[in-house]
């Protein structure tokens, strides 16, 4: 994040640009954001061209973009933002109902910071945005963390514990499975969220752990969210992890704010689904 934007986040209320062809959607997002983030300035526009003009007139701290705009694809607008200083480092989140399909094909592109499925509701979107522009000072939840590098694990564990999360670190998939099996015997899940690296020493990988959690334990994305850390930039391999049931991917080297935002968001969504009785 650039220095100018970082200073803005500290000194002033955040400015959020909402780009969506539906006026109703823009109004709904704006109302929820103003409720969840008092003082936020929400600027809405209905086309890519209008957004480009607004971006040329001022700086925003966060941008949401619909994939389908009246005059261009949302990813085209995201690319424009990246090429237009001083907006280069602003978080850009795609908000759409067909994100899942593009995510499976890994076609969202490198210009997008993150993505959000409209099916989760605008309340969840507001919480998601808050994680970026106004991070929580503390959180609660138990993270099952699988990482075979003790140096990396120590740094990441301290990072997560700083936010109030409880971290149970194991060095192999076998250890993680044993922990989950013991918990299942007690009638428990064993963690609120799993954070695992893909490449691990031993016979089993993070992908194997993901498959076992979804297939053998029968825990769906809402019951036990799984975030997978990977340094593999191959879109096909990333798509395979998503199709296998990963809630999200975190590319390495890990950026603290992005990791914590994704982790806390998955915890909030899982609790929301649990309260509604939708967690599988």
Protein backbone atom coordinates (compact mmCIF):
# COMPACT_ATOMS: atom_id res chain seq x y z
CA UNK A 1 0.00 0.00 0.00
CA UNK A 2 1.36 3.38 -0.91
CA UNK A 3 2.31 5.86 1.80
CA UNK A 4 -0.36 8.37 0.77
CA UNK A 5 -3.15 5.82 1.01
CA UNK A 6 -1.77 4.36 4.25
CA UNK A 7 -1.82 7.83 5.83
CA UNK A 8 -5.38 8.37 4.65
CA UNK A 9 -6.53 5.21 6.40
CA UNK A 10 -5.15 6.50 9.66
CA UNK A 11 -6.17 10.11 9.43
CA UNK A 12 -9.52 10.14 7.63
CA UNK A 13 -12.65 8.10 7.08
CA UNK A 14 -12.23 5.60 4.25
CA UNK A 15 -13.55 6.31 0.74
CA UNK A 16 -15.06 3.34 -1.06
CA UNK A 17 -15.87 3.32 -4.77
CA UNK A 18 -18.72 0.96 -5.69
CA UNK A 19 -18.92 0.19 -9.41
CA UNK A 20 -22.04 -1.73 -10.44
CA UNK A 21 -24.49 -1.33 -13.31
CA UNK A 22 -27.45 -1.80 -10.97
CA UNK A 23 -28.50 1.33 -9.12
CA UNK A 24 -30.35 -0.79 -6.56
CA UNK A 25 -27.23 -2.84 -5.83
CA UNK A 26 -25.13 0.32 -5.43
CA UNK A 27 -27.69 1.74 -2.98
CA UNK A 28 -27.87 -1.49 -0.98
CA UNK A 29 -24.09 -1.74 -0.69
CA UNK A 30 -23.88 1.93 0.25
CA UNK A 31 -26.50 1.63 3.03
CA UNK A 32 -24.87 -1.42 4.57
CA UNK A 33 -21.39 0.10 4.42
CA UNK A 34 -22.55 3.32 6.08
CA UNK A 35 -24.15 1.27 8.86
CA UNK A 36 -21.16 -0.99 9.42
CA UNK A 37 -18.47 1.69 8.89
CA UNK A 38 -19.73 4.96 10.37
CA UNK A 39 -18.21 7.93 8.59
CA UNK A 40 -17.34 5.99 5.44
CA UNK A 41 -17.74 7.90 2.19
CA UNK A 42 -19.35 5.69 -0.43
CA UNK A 43 -19.19 6.84 -4.05
CA UNK A 44 -21.24 4.82 -6.52
CA UNK A 45 -21.13 4.73 -10.30
CA UNK A 46 -22.83 2.60 -12.92
CA UNK A 47 -20.23 2.19 -15.63
CA UNK A 48 -16.53 1.66 -16.21
CA UNK A 49 -16.17 4.98 -17.99
CA UNK A 50 -17.70 6.88 -15.09
CA UNK A 51 -15.43 5.04 -12.69
CA UNK A 52 -12.37 5.95 -14.74
CA UNK A 53 -13.34 9.60 -14.56
CA UNK A 54 -13.81 9.44 -10.77
CA UNK A 55 -10.49 7.67 -10.34
CA UNK A 56 -8.81 10.49 -12.23
CA UNK A 57 -10.29 13.06 -9.86
CA UNK A 58 -9.44 11.54 -6.47
CA UNK A 59 -8.02 8.68 -4.40
CA UNK A 60 -10.07 5.83 -2.97
CA UNK A 61 -9.14 3.41 -0.19
CA UNK A 62 -11.15 0.49 -1.53
CA UNK A 63 -12.89 -0.38 -4.80
CA UNK A 64 -15.61 -2.93 -5.50
CA UNK A 65 -16.26 -3.82 -9.13
CA UNK A 66 -19.00 -5.94 -10.71
CA UNK A 67 -17.72 -8.36 -13.33
CA UNK A 68 -20.31 -7.26 -15.87
CA UNK A 69 -20.55 -3.53 -16.50
CA UNK A 70 -22.60 -1.80 -19.22
CA UNK A 71 -19.56 -0.64 -21.15
CA UNK A 72 -16.75 -3.02 -20.23
CA UNK A 73 -15.73 -6.10 -18.32
CA UNK A 74 -14.95 -5.46 -14.65
CA UNK A 75 -11.47 -6.92 -15.09
CA UNK A 76 -10.75 -4.31 -17.75
CA UNK A 77 -11.53 -1.61 -15.20
CA UNK A 78 -9.31 -3.34 -12.61
CA UNK A 79 -6.47 -3.28 -15.11
CA UNK A 80 -7.04 0.43 -15.70
CA UNK A 81 -6.79 1.06 -11.95
CA UNK A 82 -3.47 -0.79 -11.73
CA UNK A 83 -2.04 1.24 -14.57
CA UNK A 84 -3.24 4.59 -13.21
CA UNK A 85 -1.23 6.10 -10.33
CA UNK A 86 -1.91 6.85 -7.51
CA UNK A 87 -4.41 3.97 -7.44
CA UNK A 88 -1.87 1.23 -8.11
CA UNK A 89 -2.01 -0.40 -4.68
CA UNK A 90 -5.64 0.16 -3.70
CA UNK A 91 -7.50 -3.08 -2.82
CA UNK A 92 -9.84 -4.10 -5.66
CA UNK A 93 -12.52 -6.68 -4.92
CA UNK A 94 -14.73 -8.21 -7.57
CA UNK A 95 -18.33 -8.49 -6.35
CA UNK A 96 -20.42 -10.77 -8.51
CA UNK A 97 -22.78 -13.72 -8.61
CA UNK A 98 -20.60 -15.67 -11.05
CA UNK A 99 -17.27 -15.26 -9.28
CA UNK A 100 -17.23 -18.96 -8.41
CA UNK A 101 -17.15 -20.01 -12.05
CA UNK A 102 -14.31 -17.62 -12.93
CA UNK A 103 -12.50 -18.55 -9.74
CA UNK A 104 -12.60 -22.22 -10.69
CA UNK A 105 -11.04 -21.28 -14.02
CA UNK A 106 -8.68 -18.83 -12.27
CA UNK A 107 -9.56 -16.11 -14.78
CA UNK A 108 -9.95 -13.21 -12.36
CA UNK A 109 -6.45 -12.05 -13.17
CA UNK A 110 -3.57 -10.54 -11.22
CA UNK A 111 -5.13 -7.06 -11.09
CA UNK A 112 -7.81 -8.17 -8.61
CA UNK A 113 -6.92 -8.22 -4.91
CA UNK A 114 -9.78 -10.49 -3.92
CA UNK A 115 -13.27 -11.58 -4.83
CA UNK A 116 -16.64 -11.76 -3.13
CA UNK A 117 -19.71 -13.86 -3.90
CA UNK A 118 -22.95 -11.85 -3.82
CA UNK A 119 -24.75 -14.94 -2.53
CA UNK A 120 -23.17 -14.32 0.88
CA UNK A 121 -25.13 -11.07 1.21
CA UNK A 122 -24.18 -7.42 1.49
CA UNK A 123 -23.86 -7.61 5.29
CA UNK A 124 -21.01 -10.05 4.83
CA UNK A 125 -19.56 -7.80 2.13
CA UNK A 126 -19.47 -4.89 4.59
CA UNK A 127 -17.61 -7.03 7.12
CA UNK A 128 -15.24 -8.13 4.38
CA UNK A 129 -14.45 -4.53 3.40
CA UNK A 130 -14.05 -3.55 7.04
CA UNK A 131 -11.28 -6.13 7.32
CA UNK A 132 -9.31 -4.14 4.77
CA UNK A 133 -10.01 -0.51 5.65
CA UNK A 134 -10.54 -0.85 9.39
CA UNK A 135 -8.99 -4.11 10.65
CA UNK A 136 -10.24 -5.56 13.90
CA UNK A 137 -7.93 -5.09 16.83
CA UNK A 138 -8.77 -8.52 18.20
CA UNK A 139 -10.54 -11.68 17.17
CA UNK A 140 -11.27 -15.12 18.51
CA UNK A 141 -11.18 -18.53 16.95
CA UNK A 142 -8.98 -21.62 16.80
CA UNK A 143 -6.71 -22.09 13.80
CA UNK A 144 -5.28 -25.49 12.89
CA UNK A 145 -2.06 -24.44 11.17
CA UNK A 146 -0.06 -26.95 9.11
CA UNK A 147 3.46 -25.83 8.18
CA UNK A 148 6.68 -27.87 8.19
CA UNK A 149 9.05 -24.90 8.38
CA UNK A 150 9.38 -24.00 12.05
CA UNK A 151 10.83 -20.58 11.20
CA UNK A 152 7.89 -19.70 8.94
CA UNK A 153 5.46 -21.22 11.42
CA UNK A 154 6.79 -19.16 14.31
CA UNK A 155 6.47 -15.90 12.40
CA UNK A 156 2.97 -16.71 11.13
CA UNK A 157 1.81 -17.96 14.51
CA UNK A 158 2.91 -14.74 16.19
CA UNK A 159 1.17 -12.78 13.43
CA UNK A 160 -2.15 -14.56 14.06
CA UNK A 161 -1.92 -14.60 17.84
CA UNK A 162 -1.39 -10.85 17.74
CA UNK A 163 -5.03 -10.62 16.61
CA UNK A 164 -6.28 -12.84 19.43
CA UNK A 165 -6.51 -16.09 17.47
CA UNK A 166 -5.56 -19.40 19.08
CA UNK A 167 -3.13 -21.32 16.87
CA UNK A 168 -2.52 -25.08 17.05
CA UNK A 169 0.53 -25.71 14.91
CA UNK A 170 1.44 -29.12 13.49
CA UNK A 171 4.20 -29.92 11.03
CA UNK A 172 2.51 -32.58 8.89
CA UNK A 173 -0.81 -33.59 7.37
CA UNK A 174 -0.64 -36.81 9.34
CA UNK A 175 -0.51 -34.83 12.60
CA UNK A 176 -3.41 -32.64 11.48
CA UNK A 177 -5.55 -35.67 10.59
CA UNK A 178 -4.80 -37.28 13.94
CA UNK A 179 -5.92 -34.12 15.73
CA UNK A 180 -9.14 -33.93 13.69
CA UNK A 181 -9.86 -37.63 14.23
CA UNK A 182 -9.44 -37.29 17.99
CA UNK A 183 -11.76 -34.30 18.02
CA UNK A 184 -14.37 -36.11 15.90
CA UNK A 185 -14.46 -38.98 18.42
CA UNK A 186 -15.35 -36.39 21.06
CA UNK A 187 -18.11 -35.01 18.83
CA UNK A 188 -16.11 -31.89 17.97
CA UNK A 189 -14.68 -30.48 14.74
CA UNK A 190 -11.25 -29.73 16.16
CA UNK A 191 -10.76 -26.18 14.84
CA UNK A 192 -12.64 -23.19 13.55
CA UNK A 193 -10.49 -22.85 10.43
CA UNK A 194 -7.59 -24.71 8.83
CA UNK A 195 -4.58 -22.89 7.38
CA UNK A 196 -2.23 -25.17 5.49
CA UNK A 197 0.71 -24.94 3.15
CA UNK A 198 0.49 -27.02 -0.03
CA UNK A 199 4.04 -28.35 -0.09
CA UNK A 200 4.82 -30.27 3.07
CA UNK A 201 7.40 -32.87 4.03
CA UNK A 202 6.07 -36.40 4.17
CA UNK A 203 3.79 -38.43 1.93
CA UNK A 204 0.74 -36.17 2.16
CA UNK A 205 0.36 -32.62 0.86
CA UNK A 206 -1.93 -29.77 1.82
CA UNK A 207 -4.10 -30.82 -1.11
CA UNK A 208 -4.43 -34.29 0.42
CA UNK A 209 -5.46 -32.74 3.73
CA UNK A 210 -8.09 -30.65 1.96
CA UNK A 211 -9.47 -33.74 0.20
CA UNK A 212 -9.65 -35.74 3.44
CA UNK A 213 -11.42 -32.92 5.28
CA UNK A 214 -14.07 -32.61 2.57
CA UNK A 215 -14.45 -36.31 1.68
CA UNK A 216 -13.60 -38.44 4.72
CA UNK A 217 -14.66 -36.10 7.51
CA UNK A 218 -17.53 -34.67 5.48
CA UNK A 219 -16.89 -31.10 6.61
CA UNK A 220 -18.15 -28.56 4.07
CA UNK A 221 -16.77 -25.08 3.51
CA UNK A 222 -19.09 -23.60 6.12
CA UNK A 223 -18.39 -26.22 8.77
CA UNK A 224 -14.60 -26.12 8.54
CA UNK A 225 -13.13 -23.41 6.28
CA UNK A 226 -9.76 -24.26 4.72
CA UNK A 227 -7.30 -21.63 3.50
CA UNK A 228 -4.43 -22.96 1.41
CA UNK A 229 -1.11 -21.17 1.14
CA UNK A 230 0.71 -21.74 -2.13
CA UNK A 231 3.66 -20.37 -4.04
CA UNK A 232 2.48 -22.15 -7.20
CA UNK A 233 1.29 -19.56 -9.71
CA UNK A 234 0.03 -22.17 -12.17
CA UNK A 235 -3.68 -21.33 -12.75
CA UNK A 236 -4.56 -25.01 -13.34
CA UNK A 237 -3.08 -26.07 -10.01
CA UNK A 238 -4.78 -23.19 -8.20
CA UNK A 239 -8.08 -24.10 -9.85
CA UNK A 240 -7.67 -27.71 -8.71
CA UNK A 241 -7.39 -26.57 -5.08
CA UNK A 242 -10.53 -24.46 -5.36
CA UNK A 243 -12.44 -27.31 -7.00
CA UNK A 244 -11.24 -29.65 -4.25
CA UNK A 245 -12.97 -27.45 -1.69
CA UNK A 246 -10.54 -24.75 -0.58
CA UNK A 247 -12.42 -21.70 0.68
CA UNK A 248 -9.64 -19.45 -0.53
CA UNK A 249 -6.00 -19.33 -1.54
CA UNK A 250 -3.24 -17.21 -0.03
CA UNK A 251 -0.30 -16.74 -2.33
CA UNK A 252 3.23 -16.85 -0.94
CA UNK A 253 5.13 -14.92 0.17
CA UNK A 254 2.28 -14.18 2.57
CA UNK A 255 1.28 -10.55 3.17
CA UNK A 256 0.08 -10.16 6.78
CA UNK A 257 -2.92 -7.90 6.24
CA UNK A 258 -4.26 -9.99 3.37
CA UNK A 259 -3.84 -13.27 5.26
CA UNK A 260 -5.49 -11.97 8.42
CA UNK A 261 -8.34 -10.37 6.46
CA UNK A 262 -9.05 -13.60 4.59
CA UNK A 263 -8.81 -15.70 7.75
CA UNK A 264 -11.08 -13.49 9.84
CA UNK A 265 -13.56 -13.25 6.99
CA UNK A 266 -13.83 -17.04 6.70
CA UNK A 267 -14.39 -17.28 10.45
CA UNK A 268 -17.19 -14.70 10.29
CA UNK A 269 -18.88 -16.39 7.33
CA UNK A 270 -18.69 -19.82 9.00
CA UNK A 271 -20.28 -18.44 12.16
CA UNK A 272 -22.95 -16.67 10.12
CA UNK A 273 -23.82 -19.92 8.33
CA UNK A 274 -23.78 -21.85 11.60
CA UNK A 275 -26.26 -19.42 13.17
CA UNK A 276 -28.52 -19.84 10.14
CA UNK A 277 -28.12 -23.60 10.31
CA UNK A 278 -26.56 -23.71 6.82
CA UNK A 279 -23.09 -24.97 7.74
CA UNK A 280 -22.47 -28.40 6.27
